[in-house]
C-alpha cells in the first residue's frame, strides 16, 4: 500500500530558463543607489548630531572654567586693592619699625639741642 504514494521511477525535472529582463536590473540599480544615498544621509546626519553634542559639552566645560578663572581674578584684584591701601601700608610699615617722617613745619618748631 505504501508503494502507491512513493514513485519508484526517478523524476528528472528539466531546468526552466527564463529570459532576464534588462528592466529588472535597471530598477535594482536605481533602488540600490537610492538606498545608498538615503543611508549615507542618515549616517552623515547622525555624525553631525553627535559632533554637535560633543561641542556643546566642551563649550559648557569652558564656560565653567571661565567662571572659575574670573572668580580667581576678582579675588586677586580684591586682595591687591586691600594690600595697596594706605591703611594697610601704614600697618605693615609700623610692624617693620618704620615711622612717619616729620613735616618741614614740625622740624622748624622742634628745638635743636
C-alpha atoms as a PDB file:
ATOM      1  CA  UNK A   1       0.000   0.000   0.000  1.00  0.00           C
ATOM      2  CA  UNK A   2       2.738   2.456   0.682  1.00  0.00           C
ATOM      3  CA  UNK A   3       4.178   1.968  -2.779  1.00  0.00           C
ATOM      4  CA  UNK A   4       1.340   3.808  -4.355  1.00  0.00           C
ATOM      5  CA  UNK A   5       2.461   7.204  -2.940  1.00  0.00           C
ATOM      6  CA  UNK A   6       6.191   6.779  -3.402  1.00  0.00           C
ATOM      7  CA  UNK A   7       7.195   6.782  -7.033  1.00  0.00           C
ATOM      8  CA  UNK A   8       9.621   4.133  -7.994  1.00  0.00           C
ATOM      9  CA  UNK A   9      10.691   5.816 -11.149  1.00  0.00           C
ATOM     10  CA  UNK A  10      13.240   8.698 -10.738  1.00  0.00           C
ATOM     11  CA  UNK A  11      11.814  12.063 -11.716  1.00  0.00           C
ATOM     12  CA  UNK A  12      14.042  14.450 -13.615  1.00  0.00           C
ATOM     13  CA  UNK A  13      12.741  17.948 -13.877  1.00  0.00           C
ATOM     14  CA  UNK A  14      14.280  19.981 -16.566  1.00  0.00           C
ATOM     15  CA  UNK A  15      15.542  23.377 -15.556  1.00  0.00           C
ATOM     16  CA  UNK A  16      13.438  26.292 -16.657  1.00  0.00           C
ATOM     17  CA  UNK A  17      15.332  29.192 -18.110  1.00  0.00           C
ATOM     18  CA  UNK A  18      13.552  32.490 -18.132  1.00  0.00           C
ATOM     19  CA  UNK A  19      14.825  35.432 -20.054  1.00  0.00           C
ATOM     20  CA  UNK A  20      16.338  38.068 -17.780  1.00  0.00           C
ATOM     21  CA  UNK A  21      14.883  41.460 -18.386  1.00  0.00           C
ATOM     22  CA  UNK A  22      17.189  44.484 -18.500  1.00  0.00           C
ATOM     23  CA  UNK A  23      14.422  46.489 -16.872  1.00  0.00           C
ATOM     24  CA  UNK A  24      14.789  44.434 -13.673  1.00  0.00           C
ATOM     25  CA  UNK A  25      18.494  45.230 -13.463  1.00  0.00           C
ATOM     26  CA  UNK A  26      17.814  48.923 -14.037  1.00  0.00           C
ATOM     27  CA  UNK A  27      15.256  49.031 -11.233  1.00  0.00           C
ATOM     28  CA  UNK A  28      17.569  47.063  -8.957  1.00  0.00           C
ATOM     29  CA  UNK A  29      20.388  49.526  -9.649  1.00  0.00           C
ATOM     30  CA  UNK A  30      18.073  52.522  -9.030  1.00  0.00           C
ATOM     31  CA  UNK A  31      16.910  51.077  -5.701  1.00  0.00           C
ATOM     32  CA  UNK A  32      20.478  50.267  -4.682  1.00  0.00           C
ATOM     33  CA  UNK A  33      21.701  53.807  -5.468  1.00  0.00           C
ATOM     34  CA  UNK A  34      18.699  55.434  -3.742  1.00  0.00           C
ATOM     35  CA  UNK A  35      19.119  53.229  -0.676  1.00  0.00           C
ATOM     36  CA  UNK A  36      22.830  54.025  -0.505  1.00  0.00           C
ATOM     37  CA  UNK A  37      22.133  57.764  -0.722  1.00  0.00           C
ATOM     38  CA  UNK A  38      19.476  57.621   1.982  1.00  0.00           C
ATOM     39  CA  UNK A  39      21.683  55.551   4.309  1.00  0.00           C
ATOM     40  CA  UNK A  40      24.617  57.891   3.712  1.00  0.00           C
ATOM     41  CA  UNK A  41      22.403  60.848   4.586  1.00  0.00           C
ATOM     42  CA  UNK A  42      21.389  59.215   7.872  1.00  0.00           C
ATOM     43  CA  UNK A  43      24.996  58.402   8.745  1.00  0.00           C
ATOM     44  CA  UNK A  44      26.172  61.952   7.984  1.00  0.00           C
ATOM     45  CA  UNK A  45      23.272  63.428   9.956  1.00  0.00           C
ATOM     46  CA  UNK A  46      23.987  61.205  12.962  1.00  0.00           C
ATOM     47  CA  UNK A  47      27.680  62.114  12.861  1.00  0.00           C
ATOM     48  CA  UNK A  48      26.890  65.837  12.806  1.00  0.00           C
ATOM     49  CA  UNK A  49      24.435  65.415  15.672  1.00  0.00           C
ATOM     50  CA  UNK A  50      26.947  63.617  17.878  1.00  0.00           C
ATOM     51  CA  UNK A  51      29.638  66.158  17.000  1.00  0.00           C
ATOM     52  CA  UNK A  52      27.272  68.998  17.977  1.00  0.00           C
ATOM     53  CA  UNK A  53      26.519  67.315  21.305  1.00  0.00           C
ATOM     54  CA  UNK A  54      30.244  66.872  21.950  1.00  0.00           C
ATOM     55  CA  UNK A  55      30.959  70.515  21.124  1.00  0.00           C
ATOM     56  CA  UNK A  56      28.117  71.548  23.457  1.00  0.00           C
ATOM     57  CA  UNK A  57      29.665  69.623  26.354  1.00  0.00           C
ATOM     58  CA  UNK A  58      33.097  71.131  25.643  1.00  0.00           C
ATOM     59  CA  UNK A  59      31.705  74.665  25.486  1.00  0.00           C
ATOM     60  CA  UNK A  60      29.905  74.140  28.803  1.00  0.00           C
ATOM     61  CA  UNK A  61      33.158  72.964  30.388  1.00  0.00           C
ATOM     62  CA  UNK A  62      34.914  76.049  29.008  1.00  0.00           C
ATOM     63  CA  UNK A  63      32.165  78.317  30.400  1.00  0.00           C
ATOM     64  CA  UNK A  64      32.594  76.779  33.839  1.00  0.00           C
ATOM     65  CA  UNK A  65      36.359  77.157  33.604  1.00  0.00           C
ATOM     66  CA  UNK A  66      35.948  80.789  32.541  1.00  0.00           C
ATOM     67  CA  UNK A  67      33.679  81.450  35.544  1.00  0.00           C
ATOM     68  CA  UNK A  68      36.250  79.896  37.897  1.00  0.00           C
ATOM     69  CA  UNK A  69      39.080  81.935  36.391  1.00  0.00           C
ATOM     70  CA  UNK A  70      37.011  85.121  36.575  1.00  0.00           C
ATOM     71  CA  UNK A  71      36.347  84.404  40.252  1.00  0.00           C
ATOM     72  CA  UNK A  72      40.101  83.986  40.815  1.00  0.00           C
ATOM     73  CA  UNK A  73      40.767  87.289  39.026  1.00  0.00           C
ATOM     74  CA  UNK A  74      38.166  89.053  41.158  1.00  0.00           C
ATOM     75  CA  UNK A  75      39.688  87.649  44.366  1.00  0.00           C
ATOM     76  CA  UNK A  76      43.194  88.642  43.224  1.00  0.00           C
ATOM     77  CA  UNK A  77      42.062  92.197  42.419  1.00  0.00           C
ATOM     78  CA  UNK A  78      40.348  92.474  45.801  1.00  0.00           C
ATOM     79  CA  UNK A  79      43.479  91.218  47.566  1.00  0.00           C
ATOM     80  CA  UNK A  80      45.637  93.641  45.561  1.00  0.00           C
ATOM     81  CA  UNK A  81      43.435  96.606  46.406  1.00  0.00           C
ATOM     82  CA  UNK A  82      43.490  95.586  50.077  1.00  0.00           C
ATOM     83  CA  UNK A  83      47.292  95.288  50.087  1.00  0.00           C
ATOM     84  CA  UNK A  84      47.980  98.632  48.406  1.00  0.00           C
ATOM     85  CA  UNK A  85      45.535 100.586  50.555  1.00  0.00           C
ATOM     86  CA  UNK A  86      47.215 103.349  52.623  1.00  0.00           C
ATOM     87  CA  UNK A  87      45.885 101.965  55.899  1.00  0.00           C
ATOM     88  CA  UNK A  88      47.363  98.522  55.240  1.00  0.00           C
ATOM     89  CA  UNK A  89      50.681 100.046  54.142  1.00  0.00           C
ATOM     90  CA  UNK A  90      50.801 102.065  57.354  1.00  0.00           C
ATOM     91  CA  UNK A  91      50.198  98.914  59.435  1.00  0.00           C
ATOM     92  CA  UNK A  92      52.959  96.991  57.654  1.00  0.00           C
ATOM     93  CA  UNK A  93      55.381  99.903  57.995  1.00  0.00           C
ATOM     94  CA  UNK A  94      54.731 100.091  61.729  1.00  0.00           C
ATOM     95  CA  UNK A  95      55.314  96.328  62.046  1.00  0.00           C
ATOM     96  CA  UNK A  96      58.683  96.780  60.360  1.00  0.00           C
ATOM     97  CA  UNK A  97      59.574  99.560  62.783  1.00  0.00           C
ATOM     98  CA  UNK A  98      59.336 102.443  60.355  1.00  0.00           C
ATOM     99  CA  UNK A  99      57.991 105.766  61.498  1.00  0.00           C
ATOM    100  CA  UNK A 100      56.449 108.526  59.514  1.00  0.00           C
ATOM    101  CA  UNK A 101      58.852 111.397  58.895  1.00  0.00           C
ATOM    102  CA  UNK A 102      58.005 114.756  60.371  1.00  0.00           C
ATOM    103  CA  UNK A 103      56.927 117.507  58.051  1.00  0.00           C
ATOM    104  CA  UNK A 104      59.172 120.588  57.438  1.00  0.00           C
ATOM    105  CA  UNK A 105      56.967 122.758  59.636  1.00  0.00           C
ATOM    106  CA  UNK A 106      57.351 120.333  62.509  1.00  0.00           C
ATOM    107  CA  UNK A 107      61.147 120.334  62.037  1.00  0.00           C
ATOM    108  CA  UNK A 108      61.303 124.110  62.226  1.00  0.00           C
ATOM    109  CA  UNK A 109      59.404 124.245  65.503  1.00  0.00           C
ATOM    110  CA  UNK A 110      61.441 121.483  67.065  1.00  0.00           C
ATOM    111  CA  UNK A 111      64.146 122.833  69.333  1.00  0.00           C
ATOM    112  CA  UNK A 112      67.690 121.932  68.436  1.00  0.00           C
ATOM    113  CA  UNK A 113      69.792 120.526  71.289  1.00  0.00           C
END
